[in-house]
Structure formats: C-alpha cells, structure tokens
Amino acid sequence: MCAALVGGMDRLKREYIDVAKKGGVKLKVFTGKENRVADQIGSCGLVIVFTNKVSHKARIEVAAHAKSRGIPMKMLHSCGVSTLRKALEA
C-alpha cells in the first residue's frame, strides 16, 4: 500500500519513512514546505495529515483532493513517530 503524510517535522522524515516501511507501506512525506501538495500526492491508499504542523490552506487543499478521489484520510494533531505507527496500524 502507498500512503501520503502531510505535515510533521523535517528532522523526523527519515524515521517516518522507516516506520512505514516496517509496516509494509510506501510513504510519501510532505512536511508542509512544498507548494501545491495536493498535486504531488497523486493516488494513494491513505492520506494522513498532522494538523499541528501544516497550514489551514494546505489542510483544506489536501482534504478536497482526497475527497474528490475517494481516498481515506486521517487528521491527527500530534506529529510523533508513534502517532504515525498507530495510524498505519488502524
């Protein structure tokens, strides 16, 4: 499965990818500094948004993209590695 993570911390990007890989998930990570994130997400099985580390505009843009393509979406306030692990397990 492929998933996209929007938000989070730059310094944890490698750890996010490693945790997802251990769970059998290919993860695309966008820390929020990229422009037009929704266009870069493409089609994936799940979109996870860490809401405390991303702008309102980006969150709305990603939500609209996910809804239009029928992609399930999880919005989580915390941006830790354990939060990502729990989101991928559920």
N, C-alpha and C. Protein backbone atom coordinates (compact mmCIF):
# COMPACT_ATOMS: atom_id res chain seq x y z
N MET A 1 0.84 -1.18 0.00
CA MET A 1 0.00 0.00 0.00
C MET A 1 0.89 1.24 0.00
N CYS A 2 0.39 2.29 -0.59
CA CYS A 2 1.08 3.57 -0.62
C CYS A 2 0.26 4.57 0.19
N ALA A 3 0.94 5.35 1.00
CA ALA A 3 0.27 6.36 1.82
C ALA A 3 1.02 7.68 1.69
N ALA A 4 0.33 8.77 1.98
CA ALA A 4 0.95 10.09 1.96
C ALA A 4 0.80 10.72 3.33
N LEU A 5 1.87 11.34 3.80
CA LEU A 5 1.88 12.04 5.07
C LEU A 5 2.10 13.52 4.80
N VAL A 6 1.20 14.35 5.27
CA VAL A 6 1.32 15.80 5.09
C VAL A 6 1.48 16.41 6.47
N GLY A 7 2.55 17.15 6.65
CA GLY A 7 2.86 17.74 7.95
C GLY A 7 4.00 16.99 8.59
N GLY A 8 4.21 17.22 9.85
CA GLY A 8 5.30 16.56 10.55
C GLY A 8 6.54 17.43 10.59
N MET A 9 7.58 16.86 11.16
CA MET A 9 8.83 17.60 11.33
C MET A 9 9.88 17.12 10.33
N ASP A 10 10.65 18.06 9.81
CA ASP A 10 11.70 17.74 8.84
C ASP A 10 12.69 16.74 9.41
N ARG A 11 13.05 16.91 10.67
CA ARG A 11 14.08 16.05 11.26
C ARG A 11 13.61 14.61 11.47
N LEU A 12 12.29 14.38 11.43
CA LEU A 12 11.76 13.03 11.60
C LEU A 12 11.37 12.36 10.29
N LYS A 13 11.61 13.02 9.18
CA LYS A 13 11.19 12.50 7.88
C LYS A 13 11.71 11.08 7.63
N ARG A 14 12.98 10.85 7.88
CA ARG A 14 13.57 9.53 7.65
C ARG A 14 12.93 8.49 8.57
N GLU A 15 12.65 8.85 9.81
CA GLU A 15 12.02 7.92 10.75
C GLU A 15 10.59 7.58 10.34
N TYR A 16 9.86 8.58 9.84
CA TYR A 16 8.50 8.33 9.33
C TYR A 16 8.54 7.26 8.23
N ILE A 17 9.47 7.43 7.30
CA ILE A 17 9.58 6.50 6.18
C ILE A 17 9.97 5.11 6.66
N ASP A 18 10.90 5.03 7.61
CA ASP A 18 11.35 3.74 8.14
C ASP A 18 10.23 3.00 8.86
N VAL A 19 9.44 3.71 9.68
CA VAL A 19 8.32 3.09 10.40
C VAL A 19 7.29 2.55 9.41
N ALA A 20 6.99 3.32 8.39
CA ALA A 20 6.02 2.88 7.38
C ALA A 20 6.55 1.66 6.63
N LYS A 21 7.83 1.68 6.30
CA LYS A 21 8.43 0.57 5.56
C LYS A 21 8.36 -0.72 6.37
N LYS A 22 8.58 -0.63 7.68
CA LYS A 22 8.48 -1.81 8.55
C LYS A 22 7.07 -2.37 8.55
N GLY A 23 6.08 -1.50 8.35
CA GLY A 23 4.68 -1.94 8.30
C GLY A 23 4.23 -2.33 6.90
N GLY A 24 5.13 -2.32 5.93
CA GLY A 24 4.79 -2.70 4.57
C GLY A 24 4.11 -1.61 3.77
N VAL A 25 4.34 -0.36 4.16
CA VAL A 25 3.70 0.78 3.49
C VAL A 25 4.77 1.66 2.87
N LYS A 26 4.56 2.03 1.61
CA LYS A 26 5.43 3.01 0.96
C LYS A 26 4.85 4.38 1.30
N LEU A 27 5.66 5.24 1.89
CA LEU A 27 5.18 6.52 2.40
C LEU A 27 5.79 7.68 1.63
N LYS A 28 4.92 8.58 1.17
CA LYS A 28 5.36 9.85 0.58
C LYS A 28 5.20 10.90 1.68
N VAL A 29 6.27 11.62 2.01
CA VAL A 29 6.24 12.58 3.11
C VAL A 29 6.35 14.00 2.56
N PHE A 30 5.39 14.84 2.96
CA PHE A 30 5.39 16.26 2.61
C PHE A 30 5.33 17.02 3.93
N THR A 31 6.41 17.70 4.29
CA THR A 31 6.47 18.34 5.60
C THR A 31 5.73 19.67 5.66
N GLY A 32 5.16 20.11 4.57
CA GLY A 32 4.37 21.33 4.59
C GLY A 32 5.04 22.52 3.93
N LYS A 33 6.30 22.38 3.61
CA LYS A 33 7.02 23.48 2.97
C LYS A 33 6.91 23.44 1.45
N GLU A 34 6.36 22.34 0.94
CA GLU A 34 6.21 22.19 -0.50
C GLU A 34 4.99 22.99 -0.98
N ASN A 35 5.05 23.44 -2.21
CA ASN A 35 3.92 24.15 -2.81
C ASN A 35 3.00 23.15 -3.50
N ARG A 36 1.71 23.42 -3.45
CA ARG A 36 0.71 22.61 -4.14
C ARG A 36 0.85 21.13 -3.79
N VAL A 37 0.74 20.83 -2.52
CA VAL A 37 0.92 19.46 -2.02
C VAL A 37 -0.07 18.50 -2.64
N ALA A 38 -1.31 18.91 -2.80
CA ALA A 38 -2.35 18.02 -3.32
C ALA A 38 -1.99 17.49 -4.71
N ASP A 39 -1.37 18.31 -5.54
CA ASP A 39 -0.98 17.87 -6.87
C ASP A 39 0.11 16.81 -6.82
N GLN A 40 0.93 16.83 -5.78
CA GLN A 40 2.04 15.90 -5.67
C GLN A 40 1.63 14.57 -5.03
N ILE A 41 0.51 14.56 -4.33
CA ILE A 41 0.06 13.34 -3.65
C ILE A 41 -0.26 12.24 -4.64
N GLY A 42 -0.95 12.59 -5.70
CA GLY A 42 -1.33 11.59 -6.69
C GLY A 42 -2.38 10.66 -6.13
N SER A 43 -2.31 9.39 -6.49
CA SER A 43 -3.27 8.42 -5.96
C SER A 43 -2.56 7.51 -4.99
N CYS A 44 -3.10 7.39 -3.81
CA CYS A 44 -2.53 6.52 -2.79
C CYS A 44 -3.68 5.93 -1.98
N GLY A 45 -3.38 5.01 -1.12
CA GLY A 45 -4.42 4.31 -0.37
C GLY A 45 -4.88 5.03 0.87
N LEU A 46 -4.08 5.98 1.38
CA LEU A 46 -4.40 6.68 2.62
C LEU A 46 -3.66 8.00 2.66
N VAL A 47 -4.31 9.02 3.19
CA VAL A 47 -3.66 10.31 3.42
C VAL A 47 -3.73 10.60 4.91
N ILE A 48 -2.58 10.88 5.51
CA ILE A 48 -2.50 11.24 6.92
C ILE A 48 -2.03 12.68 7.01
N VAL A 49 -2.75 13.49 7.78
CA VAL A 49 -2.39 14.90 7.95
C VAL A 49 -2.10 15.16 9.42
N PHE A 50 -0.90 15.64 9.72
CA PHE A 50 -0.57 16.08 11.06
C PHE A 50 -0.94 17.56 11.14
N THR A 51 -2.08 17.84 11.75
CA THR A 51 -2.68 19.17 11.67
C THR A 51 -1.93 20.25 12.42
N ASN A 52 -1.12 19.89 13.41
CA ASN A 52 -0.42 20.94 14.14
C ASN A 52 0.81 21.47 13.41
N LYS A 53 1.21 20.83 12.34
CA LYS A 53 2.41 21.23 11.60
C LYS A 53 2.14 21.60 10.15
N VAL A 54 0.90 21.91 9.82
CA VAL A 54 0.57 22.25 8.44
C VAL A 54 -0.42 23.42 8.44
N SER A 55 -0.37 24.23 7.41
CA SER A 55 -1.25 25.40 7.35
C SER A 55 -2.70 24.99 7.07
N HIS A 56 -3.61 25.88 7.41
CA HIS A 56 -5.04 25.62 7.15
C HIS A 56 -5.30 25.47 5.66
N LYS A 57 -4.65 26.30 4.86
CA LYS A 57 -4.84 26.24 3.42
C LYS A 57 -4.41 24.88 2.86
N ALA A 58 -3.26 24.39 3.31
CA ALA A 58 -2.78 23.10 2.83
C ALA A 58 -3.70 21.98 3.30
N ARG A 59 -4.19 22.07 4.52
CA ARG A 59 -5.10 21.04 5.04
C ARG A 59 -6.38 21.00 4.23
N ILE A 60 -6.95 22.14 3.92
CA ILE A 60 -8.17 22.20 3.12
C ILE A 60 -7.93 21.67 1.71
N GLU A 61 -6.79 22.05 1.13
CA GLU A 61 -6.44 21.60 -0.23
C GLU A 61 -6.29 20.07 -0.28
N VAL A 62 -5.62 19.50 0.70
CA VAL A 62 -5.40 18.06 0.75
C VAL A 62 -6.72 17.33 0.99
N ALA A 63 -7.56 17.88 1.87
CA ALA A 63 -8.85 17.25 2.16
C ALA A 63 -9.74 17.23 0.92
N ALA A 64 -9.74 18.31 0.16
CA ALA A 64 -10.54 18.37 -1.06
C ALA A 64 -10.01 17.37 -2.09
N HIS A 65 -8.71 17.25 -2.20
CA HIS A 65 -8.09 16.30 -3.13
C HIS A 65 -8.47 14.87 -2.75
N ALA A 66 -8.35 14.54 -1.47
CA ALA A 66 -8.66 13.19 -1.01
C ALA A 66 -10.14 12.86 -1.21
N LYS A 67 -11.00 13.81 -0.92
CA LYS A 67 -12.44 13.60 -1.07
C LYS A 67 -12.81 13.38 -2.53
N SER A 68 -12.22 14.17 -3.43
CA SER A 68 -12.56 14.06 -4.85
C SER A 68 -12.10 12.72 -5.45
N ARG A 69 -11.08 12.12 -4.88
CA ARG A 69 -10.56 10.85 -5.39
C ARG A 69 -11.00 9.65 -4.56
N GLY A 70 -11.77 9.89 -3.50
CA GLY A 70 -12.26 8.80 -2.66
C GLY A 70 -11.16 8.15 -1.82
N ILE A 71 -10.15 8.92 -1.45
CA ILE A 71 -9.03 8.41 -0.65
C ILE A 71 -9.36 8.62 0.83
N PRO A 72 -9.25 7.58 1.65
CA PRO A 72 -9.48 7.75 3.09
C PRO A 72 -8.44 8.70 3.69
N MET A 73 -8.86 9.47 4.69
CA MET A 73 -7.98 10.48 5.26
C MET A 73 -8.07 10.46 6.78
N LYS A 74 -6.92 10.60 7.43
CA LYS A 74 -6.87 10.69 8.89
C LYS A 74 -6.20 12.01 9.24
N MET A 75 -6.85 12.78 10.11
CA MET A 75 -6.26 14.02 10.60
C MET A 75 -5.90 13.81 12.06
N LEU A 76 -4.63 14.00 12.38
CA LEU A 76 -4.13 13.80 13.73
C LEU A 76 -3.39 15.05 14.18
N HIS A 77 -3.56 15.40 15.45
CA HIS A 77 -2.93 16.62 15.94
C HIS A 77 -1.44 16.42 16.24
N SER A 78 -1.10 15.30 16.83
CA SER A 78 0.29 15.03 17.19
C SER A 78 1.10 14.65 15.95
N CYS A 79 2.40 14.90 15.99
CA CYS A 79 3.22 14.60 14.82
C CYS A 79 4.38 13.67 15.14
N GLY A 80 4.22 12.84 16.13
CA GLY A 80 5.28 11.93 16.52
C GLY A 80 5.30 10.66 15.68
N VAL A 81 6.40 9.94 15.80
CA VAL A 81 6.56 8.69 15.08
C VAL A 81 5.56 7.65 15.59
N SER A 82 5.32 7.63 16.90
CA SER A 82 4.36 6.67 17.45
C SER A 82 2.94 6.96 16.98
N THR A 83 2.61 8.21 16.76
CA THR A 83 1.30 8.58 16.22
C THR A 83 1.14 8.03 14.82
N LEU A 84 2.17 8.14 14.01
CA LEU A 84 2.14 7.60 12.65
C LEU A 84 1.99 6.08 12.69
N ARG A 85 2.74 5.45 13.56
CA ARG A 85 2.68 3.98 13.70
C ARG A 85 1.24 3.53 14.02
N LYS A 86 0.60 4.21 14.97
CA LYS A 86 -0.78 3.86 15.35
C LYS A 86 -1.75 4.11 14.20
N ALA A 87 -1.55 5.18 13.45
CA ALA A 87 -2.42 5.50 12.32
C ALA A 87 -2.31 4.44 11.23
N LEU A 88 -1.12 3.94 11.00
CA LEU A 88 -0.92 2.93 9.96
C LEU A 88 -1.44 1.56 10.38
N GLU A 89 -1.42 1.29 11.68
CA GLU A 89 -1.93 0.02 12.18
C GLU A 89 -3.45 -0.06 12.11
N ALA A 90 -4.10 1.06 12.30
CA ALA A 90 -5.58 1.06 12.34
C ALA A 90 -6.19 0.93 10.97
